[in-house]
Protein backbone atom coordinates (compact mmCIF):
# COMPACT_ATOMS: atom_id res chain seq x y z
CA MET A 1 8.48 -18.85 -5.50
CA ARG A 2 9.69 -21.85 -3.44
CA LYS A 3 7.11 -25.15 -3.96
CA PRO A 4 6.61 -27.22 -0.97
CA PRO A 5 8.50 -31.12 -1.17
CA LEU A 6 6.50 -33.22 -3.39
CA GLY A 7 5.16 -35.32 -1.07
CA ARG A 8 3.29 -32.17 0.70
CA GLU A 9 1.82 -30.31 -2.38
CA SER A 10 0.24 -34.01 -3.30
CA LYS A 11 -2.10 -34.71 0.20
CA ARG A 12 -2.87 -29.88 0.13
CA LYS A 13 -4.16 -30.78 -3.62
CA ASN A 14 -6.09 -33.46 -1.68
CA ARG A 15 -7.29 -31.90 0.77
CA ALA A 16 -8.72 -28.98 -0.79
CA ALA A 17 -10.15 -31.85 -3.11
CA ARG A 18 -12.38 -32.89 -0.72
CA VAL A 19 -13.51 -29.19 0.89
CA VAL A 20 -14.00 -27.54 -2.74
CA ALA A 21 -17.24 -28.16 -4.28
CA PRO A 22 -16.46 -29.71 -7.85
CA GLY A 23 -14.56 -28.65 -10.34
CA THR A 24 -12.93 -26.19 -8.14
CA ALA A 25 -9.63 -26.94 -7.52
CA GLU A 26 -9.51 -28.23 -11.60
CA ALA A 27 -10.32 -24.35 -12.38
CA ILE A 28 -8.37 -22.44 -9.48
CA GLU A 29 -5.21 -25.52 -11.12
CA GLU A 30 -5.85 -23.72 -14.85
CA ALA A 31 -5.60 -19.49 -13.18
CA THR A 32 -2.86 -20.23 -12.24
CA LYS A 33 -0.94 -21.70 -15.10
CA LYS A 34 -2.44 -18.71 -16.23
CA LEU A 35 -1.36 -16.54 -14.32
CA GLU A 36 1.93 -17.60 -14.15
CA ASN A 37 2.53 -18.07 -18.24
CA GLY A 38 1.16 -15.18 -18.55
CA GLU A 39 -2.32 -14.69 -20.08
CA LEU A 40 -4.58 -13.99 -17.31
CA PHE A 41 -4.31 -10.32 -15.11
CA VAL A 42 -5.26 -10.07 -11.46
CA PHE A 43 -5.92 -6.22 -12.15
CA ASP A 44 -7.32 -6.84 -15.88
CA CYS A 45 -9.14 -3.58 -16.61
CA SER A 46 -11.86 -5.61 -18.50
CA THR A 47 -13.17 -6.88 -14.97
CA PHE A 48 -14.18 -3.98 -13.27
CA THR A 49 -15.09 0.12 -13.43
CA VAL A 50 -14.14 3.33 -11.84
CA ASP A 51 -16.44 6.11 -11.46
CA GLY A 52 -18.14 4.17 -14.47
CA GLN A 53 -16.18 4.50 -16.70
CA THR A 54 -13.03 1.43 -17.78
CA LEU A 55 -9.67 2.28 -17.60
CA THR A 56 -7.53 2.78 -20.40
CA SER A 57 -4.73 4.93 -18.60
CA HIS A 58 -4.08 6.02 -15.45
CA MET A 59 -0.55 7.68 -14.26
CA ALA A 60 0.79 6.36 -10.39
CA ASP A 61 3.25 7.61 -7.60
CA VAL A 62 6.22 4.88 -8.89
CA ASP A 63 8.81 7.19 -7.65
CA THR A 64 8.26 8.11 -4.22
CA ASP A 65 8.22 12.12 -3.60
CA PRO A 66 6.75 13.46 -0.13
CA ASP A 67 4.03 15.19 -2.95
CA TYR A 68 3.42 11.16 -3.94
CA THR A 69 3.10 13.12 -7.39
CA PRO A 70 2.04 10.85 -10.22
CA ASP A 71 4.33 9.73 -12.92
CA THR A 72 4.52 6.58 -14.16
CA GLU A 73 2.19 5.11 -16.76
CA VAL A 74 0.44 1.99 -15.52
CA ILE A 75 -2.10 0.84 -17.33
CA VAL A 76 -0.47 -2.22 -19.04
CA THR A 77 -1.80 -3.29 -22.83
CA GLY A 78 -5.43 -3.57 -20.94
CA TYR A 79 -3.99 -4.07 -17.07
CA PHE A 80 -3.02 -2.45 -13.36
CA ALA A 81 0.66 -3.33 -14.22
CA GLU A 82 0.43 -3.47 -10.44
CA SER A 83 4.47 -4.46 -8.90
CA ALA A 84 5.90 -4.42 -11.79
CA PHE A 85 7.46 -0.87 -11.55
CA ARG A 86 8.72 -1.23 -8.14
CA SER A 87 7.97 -3.81 -5.22
CA ALA A 88 5.35 -1.30 -2.99
CA PRO A 89 2.99 -1.25 -4.08
CA TYR A 90 1.00 1.80 -5.46
CA PHE A 91 -2.56 0.86 -6.16
CA ASP A 92 -4.67 3.90 -5.66
CA LEU A 93 -8.03 3.64 -6.90
CA GLN A 94 -11.69 3.08 -6.13
CA ILE A 95 -13.27 -0.15 -7.75
CA ASP A 96 -16.83 0.53 -8.30
CA GLY A 97 -18.39 -1.53 -5.74
CA ILE A 98 -16.40 -1.93 -3.47
CA ASN A 99 -16.45 -0.67 -0.09
CA LEU A 100 -13.72 0.98 1.73
CA LEU A 101 -14.00 0.17 5.43
CA ASN A 102 -12.75 3.48 6.39
CA THR A 103 -14.70 6.05 4.32
CA LYS A 104 -18.20 6.57 5.52
CA MET A 105 -21.20 5.55 3.11
């Protein structure tokens, strides 16, 4: 990802510091560093459940075929490895507590 010129980055951080609660900018910066160095994962399976269970395994349709047959294990060392095996998304799970807009409740 291309970073903005230093002057723009500095202005962005200063503007963010004025509009967020104290400590928020630092927390975002820390999380960003952890995401970049592999300490933190967006879909860490310890942070959500599906059907009341923590995920330990999930097969996804990575090698897309007409029947959308699950063919690849996508839980890697405790996280759902979204877009690790192909560039198009394959996250197809319904996380507990998240209501989809296109389903009846």
